[in-house]
Amino acid sequence: MRLPHNSNNLAYVRSLRKNMTDAERKLWYEYLRPCPYKFTRQKSVGPYILDFYCASAQLAVEIDGSQHYEPQGQQQDVARTAYLQAFGIFVLRFSNRDVLLNLEGVAAEIERTILMRISK
């Protein structure tokens, strides 16, 4: 299934790719980029931009900063997750802290989820 995207986001997506957070940069260069499963950075899906997306596993990996733990951020994340689930996309969320301090554990969880999703 082809995912909807907002072509108006293209310049913003490019900007996000160039200006990744420290946690996004660490996850991308130390695990996702060399990962045998192809990931895309800053994937536009409908009105949302996913931090990382693996099409073969229909998996979104989101790296959450402090704003995601505020009530408004949590409400937005619930709506975003519901939207993505309607397209069969599973969302994994990790905090910046998780990635920066426990990359090995984060990578293991991503790999477990990929294997579970592609074996369906």
C-alpha atoms as a PDB file:
ATOM      1  CA  MET A   1       0.000   0.000   0.000  1.00  0.00           C
ATOM      2  CA  ARG A   2       1.311   3.428  -0.914  1.00  0.00           C
ATOM      3  CA  LEU A   3       1.355   5.779   2.063  1.00  0.00           C
ATOM      4  CA  PRO A   4      -0.072   9.290   1.781  1.00  0.00           C
ATOM      5  CA  HIS A   5       2.374  12.141   2.142  1.00  0.00           C
ATOM      6  CA  ASN A   6       2.304  15.902   2.198  1.00  0.00           C
ATOM      7  CA  SER A   7       4.557  17.260  -0.554  1.00  0.00           C
ATOM      8  CA  ASN A   8       4.467  20.654   1.177  1.00  0.00           C
ATOM      9  CA  ASN A   9       6.664  19.111   3.895  1.00  0.00           C
ATOM     10  CA  LEU A  10       9.590  18.393   1.565  1.00  0.00           C
ATOM     11  CA  ALA A  11      11.749  21.391   2.513  1.00  0.00           C
ATOM     12  CA  TYR A  12      11.016  20.841   6.197  1.00  0.00           C
ATOM     13  CA  VAL A  13      11.872  17.129   5.908  1.00  0.00           C
ATOM     14  CA  ARG A  14      15.224  18.011   4.304  1.00  0.00           C
ATOM     15  CA  SER A  15      15.896  20.493   7.093  1.00  0.00           C
ATOM     16  CA  LEU A  16      15.120  17.873   9.757  1.00  0.00           C
ATOM     17  CA  ARG A  17      17.499  15.402   8.086  1.00  0.00           C
ATOM     18  CA  LYS A  18      20.299  17.970   8.200  1.00  0.00           C
ATOM     19  CA  ASN A  19      19.555  18.987  11.795  1.00  0.00           C
ATOM     20  CA  MET A  20      19.001  15.729  13.659  1.00  0.00           C
ATOM     21  CA  THR A  21      19.027  15.718  17.452  1.00  0.00           C
ATOM     22  CA  ASP A  22      21.977  14.074  19.202  1.00  0.00           C
ATOM     23  CA  ALA A  23      19.841  11.004  19.956  1.00  0.00           C
ATOM     24  CA  GLU A  24      18.589  10.745  16.354  1.00  0.00           C
ATOM     25  CA  ARG A  25      22.139  11.114  15.036  1.00  0.00           C
ATOM     26  CA  LYS A  26      23.462   8.411  17.383  1.00  0.00           C
ATOM     27  CA  LEU A  27      20.682   5.957  16.517  1.00  0.00           C
ATOM     28  CA  TRP A  28      21.020   6.628  12.771  1.00  0.00           C
ATOM     29  CA  TYR A  29      24.792   6.408  12.404  1.00  0.00           C
ATOM     30  CA  GLU A  30      25.476   3.697  14.970  1.00  0.00           C
ATOM     31  CA  TYR A  31      22.562   1.352  14.295  1.00  0.00           C
ATOM     32  CA  LEU A  32      19.893   2.177  11.701  1.00  0.00           C
ATOM     33  CA  ARG A  33      22.089   3.242   8.789  1.00  0.00           C
ATOM     34  CA  PRO A  34      24.225   0.057   8.867  1.00  0.00           C
ATOM     35  CA  CYS A  35      21.201  -2.090   9.791  1.00  0.00           C
ATOM     36  CA  PRO A  36      20.415  -4.787   7.182  1.00  0.00           C
ATOM     37  CA  TYR A  37      16.796  -3.563   7.110  1.00  0.00           C
ATOM     38  CA  LYS A  38      16.428  -0.309   5.162  1.00  0.00           C
ATOM     39  CA  PHE A  39      15.318   2.694   7.194  1.00  0.00           C
ATOM     40  CA  THR A  40      14.349   6.131   5.922  1.00  0.00           C
ATOM     41  CA  ARG A  41      14.978   9.251   7.993  1.00  0.00           C
ATOM     42  CA  GLN A  42      12.200  11.803   8.400  1.00  0.00           C
ATOM     43  CA  LYS A  43       9.551   9.957   6.391  1.00  0.00           C
ATOM     44  CA  SER A  44       6.466  12.010   5.521  1.00  0.00           C
ATOM     45  CA  VAL A  45       3.232  10.072   6.124  1.00  0.00           C
ATOM     46  CA  GLY A  46       0.066  12.122   5.754  1.00  0.00           C
ATOM     47  CA  PRO A  47       0.321  15.168   8.010  1.00  0.00           C
ATOM     48  CA  TYR A  48       3.142  13.614  10.077  1.00  0.00           C
ATOM     49  CA  ILE A  49       6.889  13.230   9.738  1.00  0.00           C
ATOM     50  CA  LEU A  50       8.286  10.036  11.228  1.00  0.00           C
ATOM     51  CA  ASP A  51      11.777  10.132  12.723  1.00  0.00           C
ATOM     52  CA  PHE A  52      12.651   6.766  11.134  1.00  0.00           C
ATOM     53  CA  TYR A  53      10.634   4.332   9.027  1.00  0.00           C
ATOM     54  CA  CYS A  54      11.286   0.753   7.894  1.00  0.00           C
ATOM     55  CA  ALA A  55       8.897  -0.050   5.027  1.00  0.00           C
ATOM     56  CA  SER A  56       9.575  -3.804   4.984  1.00  0.00           C
ATOM     57  CA  ALA A  57       8.433  -4.094   8.616  1.00  0.00           C
ATOM     58  CA  GLN A  58       5.954  -1.195   8.482  1.00  0.00           C
ATOM     59  CA  LEU A  59       7.732   0.159  11.558  1.00  0.00           C
ATOM     60  CA  ALA A  60       8.086   3.743  12.725  1.00  0.00           C
ATOM     61  CA  VAL A  61      10.755   4.541  15.303  1.00  0.00           C
ATOM     62  CA  GLU A  62      10.156   7.779  17.160  1.00  0.00           C
ATOM     63  CA  ILE A  63      12.720   9.457  19.405  1.00  0.00           C
ATOM     64  CA  ASP A  64      10.911  11.571  21.963  1.00  0.00           C
ATOM     65  CA  GLY A  65      12.197  14.746  23.549  1.00  0.00           C
ATOM     66  CA  SER A  66      10.741  16.300  26.690  1.00  0.00           C
ATOM     67  CA  GLN A  67       7.756  17.850  24.852  1.00  0.00           C
ATOM     68  CA  HIS A  68       6.328  14.354  24.332  1.00  0.00           C
ATOM     69  CA  TYR A  69       5.884  13.958  28.092  1.00  0.00           C
ATOM     70  CA  GLU A  70       3.691  17.046  28.464  1.00  0.00           C
ATOM     71  CA  PRO A  71      -0.108  16.462  28.375  1.00  0.00           C
ATOM     72  CA  GLN A  72      -0.493  18.141  24.959  1.00  0.00           C
ATOM     73  CA  GLY A  73       2.434  16.182  23.528  1.00  0.00           C
ATOM     74  CA  GLN A  74       0.978  12.923  24.819  1.00  0.00           C
ATOM     75  CA  GLN A  75      -2.406  13.699  23.235  1.00  0.00           C
ATOM     76  CA  GLN A  76      -0.732  14.471  19.917  1.00  0.00           C
ATOM     77  CA  ASP A  77       1.240  11.221  20.102  1.00  0.00           C
ATOM     78  CA  VAL A  78      -1.958   9.215  20.709  1.00  0.00           C
ATOM     79  CA  ALA A  79      -3.598  10.785  17.631  1.00  0.00           C
ATOM     80  CA  ARG A  80      -0.461  10.277  15.544  1.00  0.00           C
ATOM     81  CA  THR A  81      -0.151   6.622  16.575  1.00  0.00           C
ATOM     82  CA  ALA A  82      -3.823   5.952  15.786  1.00  0.00           C
ATOM     83  CA  TYR A  83      -3.402   7.541  12.345  1.00  0.00           C
ATOM     84  CA  LEU A  84      -0.333   5.424  11.585  1.00  0.00           C
ATOM     85  CA  GLN A  85      -1.939   2.228  12.877  1.00  0.00           C
ATOM     86  CA  ALA A  86      -4.761   2.751  10.377  1.00  0.00           C
ATOM     87  CA  PHE A  87      -2.096   2.175   7.682  1.00  0.00           C
ATOM     88  CA  GLY A  88      -0.695  -0.887   9.457  1.00  0.00           C
ATOM     89  CA  ILE A  89       2.324   0.972  10.827  1.00  0.00           C
ATOM     90  CA  PHE A  90       3.576  -0.080  14.259  1.00  0.00           C
ATOM     91  CA  VAL A  91       5.159   2.698  16.321  1.00  0.00           C
ATOM     92  CA  LEU A  92       8.088   2.194  18.692  1.00  0.00           C
ATOM     93  CA  ARG A  93       8.921   5.128  20.971  1.00  0.00           C
ATOM     94  CA  PHE A  94      12.129   5.779  22.841  1.00  0.00           C
ATOM     95  CA  SER A  95      13.223   8.782  24.849  1.00  0.00           C
ATOM     96  CA  ASN A  96      16.338  10.733  23.918  1.00  0.00           C
ATOM     97  CA  ARG A  97      17.806   9.452  27.184  1.00  0.00           C
ATOM     98  CA  ASP A  98      17.122   5.809  26.243  1.00  0.00           C
ATOM     99  CA  VAL A  99      19.015   6.216  22.976  1.00  0.00           C
ATOM    100  CA  LEU A 100      21.917   8.175  24.421  1.00  0.00           C
ATOM    101  CA  LEU A 101      22.448   5.935  27.465  1.00  0.00           C
ATOM    102  CA  ASN A 102      21.247   2.517  26.290  1.00  0.00           C
ATOM    103  CA  LEU A 103      21.679   2.271  22.530  1.00  0.00           C
ATOM    104  CA  GLU A 104      22.305  -1.470  22.765  1.00  0.00           C
ATOM    105  CA  GLY A 105      18.937  -2.039  24.473  1.00  0.00           C
ATOM    106  CA  VAL A 106      17.134   0.244  22.012  1.00  0.00           C
ATOM    107  CA  ALA A 107      18.734  -1.550  19.052  1.00  0.00           C
ATOM    108  CA  ALA A 108      17.740  -4.938  20.492  1.00  0.00           C
ATOM    109  CA  GLU A 109      14.107  -3.819  20.873  1.00  0.00           C
ATOM    110  CA  ILE A 110      14.020  -2.473  17.306  1.00  0.00           C
ATOM    111  CA  GLU A 111      15.493  -5.700  15.957  1.00  0.00           C
ATOM    112  CA  ARG A 112      13.030  -7.871  17.937  1.00  0.00           C
ATOM    113  CA  THR A 113      10.144  -5.812  16.593  1.00  0.00           C
ATOM    114  CA  ILE A 114      11.379  -5.986  12.990  1.00  0.00           C
ATOM    115  CA  LEU A 115      11.764  -9.765  13.167  1.00  0.00           C
ATOM    116  CA  MET A 116       8.310 -10.125  14.714  1.00  0.00           C
ATOM    117  CA  ARG A 117       6.712  -7.900  12.054  1.00  0.00           C
ATOM    118  CA  ILE A 118       8.362  -9.441   8.994  1.00  0.00           C
ATOM    119  CA  SER A 119       7.655 -12.998  10.134  1.00  0.00           C
ATOM    120  CA  LYS A 120       3.873 -12.374  10.095  1.00  0.00           C
END
